[in-house]
Amino acid sequence: MKTLREYIKEAKKKGVAIGHFNISNIEALHGIYNAAKKLNLPIIIGVSEGEEEFIGRNEVAALISTIRRNDNYPIFLNADHHYTFESVKAALDAGYDAAIIDAVTLPLQENIALTKKCVDYAKELNQKEGRDILIEAELGFIGQSSKLLDAIPEGVSEATMTTPEDAKYFVEQTGINLIAPSVGNIHGMVKGGNPKLNINRIKEISSTCGVPLVLHGGSGITDGDFKDAITSGISIVHINTEIRVAYKEALKKYLLEFPNEIAPYKILKPAVLAIEQVVEARLKLFNRL
């Protein structure tokens, strides 16, 4: 089977993007995996520090690696938004395929030092264990929560967008494999509608920085912006809030209709299907299907 690095390279060549979807329970995993299998597309499963704590670091690593081995399917696991070297190291030691070190709130040189430490450790594991771990970092500020928002998060503005020059410098100084820029995207979904992406900025960063680009905060972005962003250089798209909303609404609807039901496999089945439908639609869009 090809590595995640190879699938990302292939996606960039085709002008499509790999979907990255977060989970914090096995029901979400079922919904995402069902959609990916239906379309026969590679998939990245993400777990943030909070999600990882709930589902279990070692448990989710074992689960994803077992699915990949038994089904011979390109499903990969990413440590999404980990904030310390220790948390990144623990995820990589558990067998994760990739990790995002998020140090955007630190001064630039501290961000670079911490990111490079994670990159160096991944290289060490790659050499020692024959793996191909990827390290990603975020540059520029896009907020920090996967929630329904009343307004654009404080601190997010055109002034905090990533510049091509900064992206190039950051990649050169850290050696990261992937970069997640701020290009008008935000974490979470604004109830009144998310801002438009700066497509020209995506093109400029993509042509300058030398590594694939990852679009965080995909929930709430318009289909047109997604298409333009992907053709302009985005190779991976993160979706989380949309999944959470679909899960919650389907679960709430079922419980209201069947208040006496107590079997979890019945209660949660509509939530799994709701996630599957969201993921399938997004994967079709990202892959021009």
C-alpha atoms as a PDB file:
ATOM      1  CA  MET A   1       0.000   0.000   0.000  1.00  0.00           C
ATOM      2  CA  LYS A   2       1.135   3.535  -0.727  1.00  0.00           C
ATOM      3  CA  THR A   3       2.098   5.782   2.168  1.00  0.00           C
ATOM      4  CA  LEU A   4       0.145   8.853   3.228  1.00  0.00           C
ATOM      5  CA  ARG A   5       2.913  10.984   1.714  1.00  0.00           C
ATOM      6  CA  GLU A   6       2.385   9.228  -1.628  1.00  0.00           C
ATOM      7  CA  TYR A   7      -1.394   9.660  -1.493  1.00  0.00           C
ATOM      8  CA  ILE A   8      -0.971  13.387  -0.797  1.00  0.00           C
ATOM      9  CA  LYS A   9       1.440  13.719  -3.715  1.00  0.00           C
ATOM     10  CA  GLU A  10      -1.023  11.874  -5.935  1.00  0.00           C
ATOM     11  CA  ALA A  11      -3.897  14.119  -4.827  1.00  0.00           C
ATOM     12  CA  LYS A  12      -1.884  17.249  -5.605  1.00  0.00           C
ATOM     13  CA  LYS A  13      -1.028  15.911  -9.059  1.00  0.00           C
ATOM     14  CA  LYS A  14      -4.710  15.171  -9.784  1.00  0.00           C
ATOM     15  CA  GLY A  15      -5.913  18.507  -8.429  1.00  0.00           C
ATOM     16  CA  VAL A  16      -8.044  16.877  -5.735  1.00  0.00           C
ATOM     17  CA  ALA A  17      -7.851  16.789  -1.927  1.00  0.00           C
ATOM     18  CA  ILE A  18      -7.852  14.087   0.746  1.00  0.00           C
ATOM     19  CA  GLY A  19     -10.561  14.420   3.361  1.00  0.00           C
ATOM     20  CA  HIS A  20      -9.519  14.632   7.014  1.00  0.00           C
ATOM     21  CA  PHE A  21     -12.351  13.976   9.482  1.00  0.00           C
ATOM     22  CA  ASN A  22     -12.203  14.033  13.274  1.00  0.00           C
ATOM     23  CA  ILE A  23     -13.645  11.464  15.645  1.00  0.00           C
ATOM     24  CA  SER A  24     -14.043  11.074  19.387  1.00  0.00           C
ATOM     25  CA  ASN A  25     -16.007   7.819  19.362  1.00  0.00           C
ATOM     26  CA  ILE A  26     -16.299   4.666  17.288  1.00  0.00           C
ATOM     27  CA  GLU A  27     -19.668   5.666  15.820  1.00  0.00           C
ATOM     28  CA  ALA A  28     -18.061   8.602  14.014  1.00  0.00           C
ATOM     29  CA  LEU A  29     -15.332   6.300  12.717  1.00  0.00           C
ATOM     30  CA  HIS A  30     -17.940   3.920  11.300  1.00  0.00           C
ATOM     31  CA  GLY A  31     -19.740   6.753   9.517  1.00  0.00           C
ATOM     32  CA  ILE A  32     -16.541   8.178   8.007  1.00  0.00           C
ATOM     33  CA  TYR A  33     -15.120   4.824   6.995  1.00  0.00           C
ATOM     34  CA  ASN A  34     -18.404   3.686   5.445  1.00  0.00           C
ATOM     35  CA  ALA A  35     -18.430   6.781   3.233  1.00  0.00           C
ATOM     36  CA  ALA A  36     -14.778   6.401   2.214  1.00  0.00           C
ATOM     37  CA  LYS A  37     -15.218   2.716   1.327  1.00  0.00           C
ATOM     38  CA  LYS A  38     -18.308   3.482  -0.754  1.00  0.00           C
ATOM     39  CA  LEU A  39     -16.216   5.852  -2.890  1.00  0.00           C
ATOM     40  CA  ASN A  40     -12.946   3.894  -2.606  1.00  0.00           C
ATOM     41  CA  LEU A  41     -10.990   6.950  -1.503  1.00  0.00           C
ATOM     42  CA  PRO A  42      -8.110   7.363   0.978  1.00  0.00           C
ATOM     43  CA  ILE A  43      -9.118   8.896   4.282  1.00  0.00           C
ATOM     44  CA  ILE A  44      -7.421  10.583   7.226  1.00  0.00           C
ATOM     45  CA  ILE A  45      -8.895  10.211  10.709  1.00  0.00           C
ATOM     46  CA  GLY A  46      -7.994  13.008  13.103  1.00  0.00           C
ATOM     47  CA  VAL A  47      -8.086  13.150  16.884  1.00  0.00           C
ATOM     48  CA  SER A  48      -7.343  16.337  18.787  1.00  0.00           C
ATOM     49  CA  GLU A  49      -5.904  16.135  22.284  1.00  0.00           C
ATOM     50  CA  GLY A  50      -9.388  16.237  23.802  1.00  0.00           C
ATOM     51  CA  GLU A  51     -10.805  13.698  21.363  1.00  0.00           C
ATOM     52  CA  GLU A  52      -7.787  11.467  21.854  1.00  0.00           C
ATOM     53  CA  GLU A  53      -8.192  11.554  25.628  1.00  0.00           C
ATOM     54  CA  PHE A  54     -11.824  10.458  25.314  1.00  0.00           C
ATOM     55  CA  ILE A  55     -11.425   7.654  22.766  1.00  0.00           C
ATOM     56  CA  GLY A  56      -7.990   6.509  23.970  1.00  0.00           C
ATOM     57  CA  ARG A  57      -4.640   7.184  22.290  1.00  0.00           C
ATOM     58  CA  ASN A  58      -3.461   3.594  22.050  1.00  0.00           C
ATOM     59  CA  GLU A  59      -6.942   2.261  21.369  1.00  0.00           C
ATOM     60  CA  VAL A  60      -7.573   4.451  18.330  1.00  0.00           C
ATOM     61  CA  ALA A  61      -4.066   3.788  16.973  1.00  0.00           C
ATOM     62  CA  ALA A  62      -4.613   0.036  17.253  1.00  0.00           C
ATOM     63  CA  LEU A  63      -8.044   0.321  15.661  1.00  0.00           C
ATOM     64  CA  ILE A  64      -6.896   2.302  12.620  1.00  0.00           C
ATOM     65  CA  SER A  65      -3.826   0.135  12.010  1.00  0.00           C
ATOM     66  CA  THR A  66      -5.947  -3.026  12.283  1.00  0.00           C
ATOM     67  CA  ILE A  67      -8.498  -1.719   9.761  1.00  0.00           C
ATOM     68  CA  ARG A  68      -5.702  -0.736   7.366  1.00  0.00           C
ATOM     69  CA  ARG A  69      -4.024  -4.121   7.656  1.00  0.00           C
ATOM     70  CA  ASN A  70      -7.117  -6.345   7.622  1.00  0.00           C
ATOM     71  CA  ASP A  71      -8.995  -4.454   4.899  1.00  0.00           C
ATOM     72  CA  ASN A  72      -5.904  -3.383   2.968  1.00  0.00           C
ATOM     73  CA  TYR A  73      -7.430   0.079   2.934  1.00  0.00           C
ATOM     74  CA  PRO A  74      -5.694   3.495   2.898  1.00  0.00           C
ATOM     75  CA  ILE A  75      -6.965   4.844   6.214  1.00  0.00           C
ATOM     76  CA  PHE A  76      -4.496   6.966   8.194  1.00  0.00           C
ATOM     77  CA  LEU A  77      -4.410   8.473  11.690  1.00  0.00           C
ATOM     78  CA  ASN A  78      -3.383  12.031  12.505  1.00  0.00           C
ATOM     79  CA  ALA A  79      -2.733  13.648  15.893  1.00  0.00           C
ATOM     80  CA  ASP A  80      -4.706  16.807  15.172  1.00  0.00           C
ATOM     81  CA  HIS A  81      -3.780  20.016  17.037  1.00  0.00           C
ATOM     82  CA  HIS A  82      -1.381  18.728  19.653  1.00  0.00           C
ATOM     83  CA  TYR A  83       0.192  21.541  21.623  1.00  0.00           C
ATOM     84  CA  THR A  84       3.338  20.103  23.231  1.00  0.00           C
ATOM     85  CA  PHE A  85       6.279  17.989  22.175  1.00  0.00           C
ATOM     86  CA  GLU A  86       5.286  15.433  24.805  1.00  0.00           C
ATOM     87  CA  SER A  87       1.789  14.965  23.362  1.00  0.00           C
ATOM     88  CA  VAL A  88       3.125  14.685  19.802  1.00  0.00           C
ATOM     89  CA  LYS A  89       5.767  12.185  20.927  1.00  0.00           C
ATOM     90  CA  ALA A  90       3.175  10.058  22.735  1.00  0.00           C
ATOM     91  CA  ALA A  91       0.979   9.934  19.633  1.00  0.00           C
ATOM     92  CA  LEU A  92       3.858   9.010  17.347  1.00  0.00           C
ATOM     93  CA  ASP A  93       5.072   6.381  19.804  1.00  0.00           C
ATOM     94  CA  ALA A  94       1.554   4.906  19.781  1.00  0.00           C
ATOM     95  CA  GLY A  95       1.767   4.467  16.007  1.00  0.00           C
ATOM     96  CA  TYR A  96       0.078   7.550  14.519  1.00  0.00           C
ATOM     97  CA  ASP A  97       0.911   8.275  10.879  1.00  0.00           C
ATOM     98  CA  ALA A  98       1.096  12.051  11.280  1.00  0.00           C
ATOM     99  CA  ALA A  99       0.863  14.841  13.819  1.00  0.00           C
ATOM    100  CA  ILE A 100       0.119  18.556  13.892  1.00  0.00           C
ATOM    101  CA  ILE A 101       2.128  20.587  16.334  1.00  0.00           C
ATOM    102  CA  ASP A 102       0.085  23.712  16.993  1.00  0.00           C
ATOM    103  CA  ALA A 103       2.247  26.453  18.461  1.00  0.00           C
ATOM    104  CA  VAL A 104       0.685  29.480  16.758  1.00  0.00           C
ATOM    105  CA  THR A 105       0.230  31.313  20.057  1.00  0.00           C
ATOM    106  CA  LEU A 106       3.974  31.227  20.766  1.00  0.00           C
ATOM    107  CA  PRO A 107       6.455  33.804  19.493  1.00  0.00           C
ATOM    108  CA  LEU A 108       7.725  32.826  16.040  1.00  0.00           C
ATOM    109  CA  GLN A 109      11.168  31.564  17.089  1.00  0.00           C
ATOM    110  CA  GLU A 110       9.670  29.466  19.903  1.00  0.00           C
ATOM    111  CA  ASN A 111       7.143  28.078  17.443  1.00  0.00           C
ATOM    112  CA  ILE A 112       9.965  27.182  15.060  1.00  0.00           C
ATOM    113  CA  ALA A 113      12.044  25.527  17.808  1.00  0.00           C
ATOM    114  CA  LEU A 114       9.140  23.407  19.076  1.00  0.00           C
ATOM    115  CA  THR A 115       8.064  22.429  15.568  1.00  0.00           C
ATOM    116  CA  LYS A 116      11.607  21.449  14.584  1.00  0.00           C
ATOM    117  CA  LYS A 117      11.884  19.297  17.712  1.00  0.00           C
ATOM    118  CA  CYS A 118       8.807  17.363  16.590  1.00  0.00           C
ATOM    119  CA  VAL A 119      10.133  17.066  13.032  1.00  0.00           C
ATOM    120  CA  ASP A 120      13.469  15.741  14.293  1.00  0.00           C
ATOM    121  CA  TYR A 121      11.754  13.148  16.486  1.00  0.00           C
ATOM    122  CA  ALA A 122       9.608  11.972  13.577  1.00  0.00           C
ATOM    123  CA  LYS A 123      12.729  11.603  11.430  1.00  0.00           C
ATOM    124  CA  GLU A 124      14.340   9.587  14.212  1.00  0.00           C
ATOM    125  CA  LEU A 125      11.379   7.195  14.323  1.00  0.00           C
ATOM    126  CA  ASN A 126      11.277   6.963  10.533  1.00  0.00           C
ATOM    127  CA  GLN A 127      14.910   5.884  10.432  1.00  0.00           C
ATOM    128  CA  LYS A 128      14.685   3.564  13.414  1.00  0.00           C
ATOM    129  CA  GLU A 129      11.363   1.890  12.598  1.00  0.00           C
ATOM    130  CA  GLY A 130      11.096   2.254   8.837  1.00  0.00           C
ATOM    131  CA  ARG A 131       7.996   4.453   9.077  1.00  0.00           C
ATOM    132  CA  ASP A 132       7.011   7.538   7.070  1.00  0.00           C
ATOM    133  CA  ILE A 133       5.569   9.923   9.662  1.00  0.00           C
ATOM    134  CA  LEU A 134       4.521  13.385   8.521  1.00  0.00           C
ATOM    135  CA  ILE A 135       4.638  16.512  10.669  1.00  0.00           C
ATOM    136  CA  GLU A 136       2.389  19.479  10.019  1.00  0.00           C
ATOM    137  CA  ALA A 137       2.267  22.929  11.584  1.00  0.00           C
ATOM    138  CA  GLU A 138      -0.195  25.804  11.448  1.00  0.00           C
ATOM    139  CA  LEU A 139       0.946  29.319  10.643  1.00  0.00           C
ATOM    140  CA  GLY A 140      -1.314  32.320  11.109  1.00  0.00           C
ATOM    141  CA  PHE A 141      -4.313  32.422  13.447  1.00  0.00           C
ATOM    142  CA  ILE A 142      -7.761  30.950  12.602  1.00  0.00           C
ATOM    143  CA  GLY A 143      -9.277  30.440  16.055  1.00  0.00           C
ATOM    144  CA  GLN A 144      -9.172  27.348  18.233  1.00  0.00           C
ATOM    145  CA  SER A 145     -12.565  25.648  18.558  1.00  0.00           C
ATOM    146  CA  SER A 146     -14.807  23.351  16.508  1.00  0.00           C
ATOM    147  CA  LYS A 147     -18.097  24.938  17.521  1.00  0.00           C
ATOM    148  CA  LEU A 148     -21.060  26.868  16.157  1.00  0.00           C
ATOM    149  CA  LEU A 149     -20.003  30.498  16.490  1.00  0.00           C
ATOM    150  CA  ASP A 150     -21.970  33.728  16.666  1.00  0.00           C
ATOM    151  CA  ALA A 151     -19.135  35.677  15.036  1.00  0.00           C
ATOM    152  CA  ILE A 152     -15.645  35.334  13.606  1.00  0.00           C
ATOM    153  CA  PRO A 153     -13.248  34.503  16.488  1.00  0.00           C
ATOM    154  CA  GLU A 154     -11.431  37.417  18.097  1.00  0.00           C
ATOM    155  CA  GLY A 155      -7.953  37.829  16.687  1.00  0.00           C
ATOM    156  CA  VAL A 156      -8.804  36.421  13.249  1.00  0.00           C
ATOM    157  CA  SER A 157      -8.396  39.028  10.512  1.00  0.00           C
ATOM    158  CA  GLU A 158      -6.634  39.698   7.249  1.00  0.00           C
ATOM    159  CA  ALA A 159      -3.669  40.891   9.309  1.00  0.00           C
ATOM    160  CA  THR A 160      -3.241  37.412  10.804  1.00  0.00           C
ATOM    161  CA  MET A 161      -3.298  35.630   7.438  1.00  0.00           C
ATOM    162  CA  THR A 162      -0.194  33.716   6.425  1.00  0.00           C
ATOM    163  CA  THR A 163       2.063  35.400   3.884  1.00  0.00           C
ATOM    164  CA  PRO A 164       3.962  33.422   1.227  1.00  0.00           C
ATOM    165  CA  GLU A 165       7.243  34.760   2.598  1.00  0.00           C
ATOM    166  CA  ASP A 166       6.445  33.673   6.155  1.00  0.00           C
ATOM    167  CA  ALA A 167       5.320  30.226   4.978  1.00  0.00           C
ATOM    168  CA  LYS A 168       8.516  29.702   2.983  1.00  0.00           C
ATOM    169  CA  TYR A 169      10.699  30.821   5.898  1.00  0.00           C
ATOM    170  CA  PHE A 170       8.807  28.617   8.370  1.00  0.00           C
ATOM    171  CA  VAL A 171       9.102  25.526   6.169  1.00  0.00           C
ATOM    172  CA  GLU A 172      12.809  26.122   5.621  1.00  0.00           C
ATOM    173  CA  GLN A 173      13.498  26.630   9.322  1.00  0.00           C
ATOM    174  CA  THR A 174      11.473  23.664  10.591  1.00  0.00           C
ATOM    175  CA  GLY A 175      11.555  21.029   7.857  1.00  0.00           C
ATOM    176  CA  ILE A 176       7.812  20.328   8.189  1.00  0.00           C
ATOM    177  CA  ASN A 177       6.116  18.115   5.618  1.00  0.00           C
ATOM    178  CA  LEU A 178       2.788  19.986   5.510  1.00  0.00           C
ATOM    179  CA  ILE A 179       1.664  23.489   6.373  1.00  0.00           C
ATOM    180  CA  ALA A 180      -1.789  24.749   7.369  1.00  0.00           C
ATOM    181  CA  PRO A 181      -2.009  28.457   6.490  1.00  0.00           C
ATOM    182  CA  SER A 182      -4.497  31.103   7.509  1.00  0.00           C
ATOM    183  CA  VAL A 183      -6.183  32.132   4.269  1.00  0.00           C
ATOM    184  CA  GLY A 184      -9.598  33.351   5.415  1.00  0.00           C
ATOM    185  CA  ASN A 185     -10.569  30.016   6.975  1.00  0.00           C
ATOM    186  CA  ILE A 186     -11.612  29.659  10.626  1.00  0.00           C
ATOM    187  CA  HIS A 187     -12.071  26.850  13.085  1.00  0.00           C
ATOM    188  CA  GLY A 188     -15.757  26.266  13.734  1.00  0.00           C
ATOM    189  CA  MET A 189     -18.814  27.453  11.818  1.00  0.00           C
ATOM    190  CA  VAL A 190     -20.184  30.983  11.966  1.00  0.00           C
ATOM    191  CA  LYS A 191     -23.984  30.835  12.155  1.00  0.00           C
ATOM    192  CA  GLY A 192     -24.354  33.694   9.701  1.00  0.00           C
ATOM    193  CA  GLY A 193     -21.874  32.181   7.256  1.00  0.00           C
ATOM    194  CA  ASN A 194     -18.119  31.773   7.144  1.00  0.00           C
ATOM    195  CA  PRO A 195     -15.911  34.373   5.458  1.00  0.00           C
ATOM    196  CA  LYS A 196     -14.692  33.755   1.916  1.00  0.00           C
ATOM    197  CA  LEU A 197     -11.293  32.223   1.354  1.00  0.00           C
ATOM    198  CA  ASN A 198      -8.469  34.246  -0.139  1.00  0.00           C
ATOM    199  CA  ILE A 199      -7.820  32.057  -3.184  1.00  0.00           C
ATOM    200  CA  ASN A 200      -4.982  34.216  -4.503  1.00  0.00           C
ATOM    201  CA  ARG A 201      -3.184  33.859  -1.176  1.00  0.00           C
ATOM    202  CA  ILE A 202      -3.513  30.070  -1.405  1.00  0.00           C
ATOM    203  CA  LYS A 203      -1.977  30.121  -4.897  1.00  0.00           C
ATOM    204  CA  GLU A 204       0.894  32.326  -3.744  1.00  0.00           C
ATOM    205  CA  ILE A 205       1.691  30.195  -0.688  1.00  0.00           C
ATOM    206  CA  SER A 206       1.442  26.968  -2.671  1.00  0.00           C
ATOM    207  CA  SER A 207       3.865  28.185  -5.322  1.00  0.00           C
ATOM    208  CA  THR A 208       6.297  29.561  -2.739  1.00  0.00           C
ATOM    209  CA  CYS A 209       6.547  27.266   0.289  1.00  0.00           C
ATOM    210  CA  GLY A 210       7.453  23.937  -1.346  1.00  0.00           C
ATOM    211  CA  VAL A 211       5.217  21.598   0.707  1.00  0.00           C
ATOM    212  CA  PRO A 212       1.547  20.548   0.373  1.00  0.00           C
ATOM    213  CA  LEU A 213      -1.064  22.817   1.957  1.00  0.00           C
ATOM    214  CA  VAL A 214      -3.747  21.742   4.432  1.00  0.00           C
ATOM    215  CA  LEU A 215      -7.011  23.648   4.838  1.00  0.00           C
ATOM    216  CA  HIS A 216      -8.187  23.669   8.447  1.00  0.00           C
ATOM    217  CA  GLY A 217     -11.635  24.850   9.468  1.00  0.00           C
ATOM    218  CA  GLY A 218     -13.371  23.357   6.434  1.00  0.00           C
ATOM    219  CA  SER A 219     -16.818  23.277   8.026  1.00  0.00           C
ATOM    220  CA  GLY A 220     -18.992  26.087   6.709  1.00  0.00           C
ATOM    221  CA  ILE A 221     -16.909  26.876   3.627  1.00  0.00           C
ATOM    222  CA  THR A 222     -18.883  27.143   0.387  1.00  0.00           C
ATOM    223  CA  ASP A 223     -18.592  24.509  -2.333  1.00  0.00           C
ATOM    224  CA  GLY A 224     -17.239  27.092  -4.740  1.00  0.00           C
ATOM    225  CA  ASP A 225     -14.485  28.138  -2.342  1.00  0.00           C
ATOM    226  CA  PHE A 226     -13.586  24.488  -1.730  1.00  0.00           C
ATOM    227  CA  LYS A 227     -13.218  23.832  -5.461  1.00  0.00           C
ATOM    228  CA  ASP A 228     -11.131  26.951  -6.030  1.00  0.00           C
ATOM    229  CA  ALA A 229      -8.945  26.266  -2.989  1.00  0.00           C
ATOM    230  CA  ILE A 230      -8.211  22.708  -4.071  1.00  0.00           C
ATOM    231  CA  THR A 231      -7.326  23.667  -7.644  1.00  0.00           C
ATOM    232  CA  SER A 232      -5.116  26.425  -6.192  1.00  0.00           C
ATOM    233  CA  GLY A 233      -2.991  24.102  -4.044  1.00  0.00           C
ATOM    234  CA  ILE A 234      -4.901  22.639  -1.078  1.00  0.00           C
ATOM    235  CA  SER A 235      -4.166  18.901  -0.761  1.00  0.00           C
ATOM    236  CA  ILE A 236      -5.966  18.016   2.505  1.00  0.00           C
ATOM    237  CA  VAL A 237      -9.203  19.460   3.924  1.00  0.00           C
ATOM    238  CA  HIS A 238     -10.202  19.223   7.604  1.00  0.00           C
ATOM    239  CA  ILE A 239     -13.849  18.766   8.562  1.00  0.00           C
ATOM    240  CA  ASN A 240     -15.017  18.452  12.173  1.00  0.00           C
ATOM    241  CA  THR A 241     -17.827  20.814  13.208  1.00  0.00           C
ATOM    242  CA  GLU A 242     -20.148  19.606  10.422  1.00  0.00           C
ATOM    243  CA  ILE A 243     -19.766  16.049  11.702  1.00  0.00           C
ATOM    244  CA  ARG A 244     -20.531  17.084  15.268  1.00  0.00           C
ATOM    245  CA  VAL A 245     -23.639  18.966  14.195  1.00  0.00           C
ATOM    246  CA  ALA A 246     -24.892  16.037  12.087  1.00  0.00           C
ATOM    247  CA  TYR A 247     -24.273  13.615  14.960  1.00  0.00           C
ATOM    248  CA  LYS A 248     -26.050  15.776  17.520  1.00  0.00           C
ATOM    249  CA  GLU A 249     -29.083  16.547  15.350  1.00  0.00           C
ATOM    250  CA  ALA A 250     -29.626  12.919  14.330  1.00  0.00           C
ATOM    251  CA  LEU A 251     -29.256  11.725  17.908  1.00  0.00           C
ATOM    252  CA  LYS A 252     -31.621  14.381  19.254  1.00  0.00           C
ATOM    253  CA  LYS A 253     -34.235  13.567  16.583  1.00  0.00           C
ATOM    254  CA  TYR A 254     -34.148   9.838  17.367  1.00  0.00           C
ATOM    255  CA  LEU A 255     -34.429  10.339  21.118  1.00  0.00           C
ATOM    256  CA  LEU A 256     -37.415  12.630  20.679  1.00  0.00           C
ATOM    257  CA  GLU A 257     -39.139  10.099  18.425  1.00  0.00           C
ATOM    258  CA  PHE A 258     -38.266   7.044  20.518  1.00  0.00           C
ATOM    259  CA  PRO A 259     -37.931   8.246  24.129  1.00  0.00           C
ATOM    260  CA  ASN A 260     -38.270   4.731  25.570  1.00  0.00           C
ATOM    261  CA  GLU A 261     -35.519   3.148  23.488  1.00  0.00           C
ATOM    262  CA  ILE A 262     -32.460   2.120  25.522  1.00  0.00           C
ATOM    263  CA  ALA A 263     -30.411  -0.005  23.083  1.00  0.00           C
ATOM    264  CA  PRO A 264     -27.312   2.049  22.128  1.00  0.00           C
ATOM    265  CA  TYR A 265     -26.925   0.329  18.764  1.00  0.00           C
ATOM    266  CA  LYS A 266     -30.422   1.494  17.816  1.00  0.00           C
ATOM    267  CA  ILE A 267     -30.101   4.976  19.284  1.00  0.00           C
ATOM    268  CA  LEU A 268     -26.762   5.667  17.591  1.00  0.00           C
ATOM    269  CA  LYS A 269     -27.457   4.155  14.180  1.00  0.00           C
ATOM    270  CA  PRO A 270     -29.061   7.340  12.756  1.00  0.00           C
ATOM    271  CA  ALA A 271     -26.082   9.378  13.999  1.00  0.00           C
ATOM    272  CA  VAL A 272     -23.682   7.064  12.159  1.00  0.00           C
ATOM    273  CA  LEU A 273     -25.745   7.418   8.978  1.00  0.00           C
ATOM    274  CA  ALA A 274     -25.870  11.204   9.331  1.00  0.00           C
ATOM    275  CA  ILE A 275     -22.079  11.372   9.574  1.00  0.00           C
ATOM    276  CA  GLU A 276     -21.728   9.021   6.613  1.00  0.00           C
ATOM    277  CA  GLN A 277     -23.914  11.300   4.488  1.00  0.00           C
ATOM    278  CA  VAL A 278     -21.917  14.425   5.405  1.00  0.00           C
ATOM    279  CA  VAL A 279     -18.589  12.732   4.713  1.00  0.00           C
ATOM    280  CA  GLU A 280     -19.738  11.189   1.438  1.00  0.00           C
ATOM    281  CA  ALA A 281     -20.890  14.571   0.142  1.00  0.00           C
ATOM    282  CA  ARG A 282     -17.629  16.228   1.149  1.00  0.00           C
ATOM    283  CA  LEU A 283     -15.466  13.483  -0.362  1.00  0.00           C
ATOM    284  CA  LYS A 284     -17.343  13.723  -3.654  1.00  0.00           C
ATOM    285  CA  LEU A 285     -16.770  17.464  -3.708  1.00  0.00           C
ATOM    286  CA  PHE A 286     -13.080  17.226  -2.801  1.00  0.00           C
ATOM    287  CA  ASN A 287     -12.509  14.591  -5.494  1.00  0.00           C
ATOM    288  CA  ARG A 288     -14.681  16.096  -8.255  1.00  0.00           C
ATOM    289  CA  LEU A 289     -17.016  13.075  -8.276  1.00  0.00           C
END
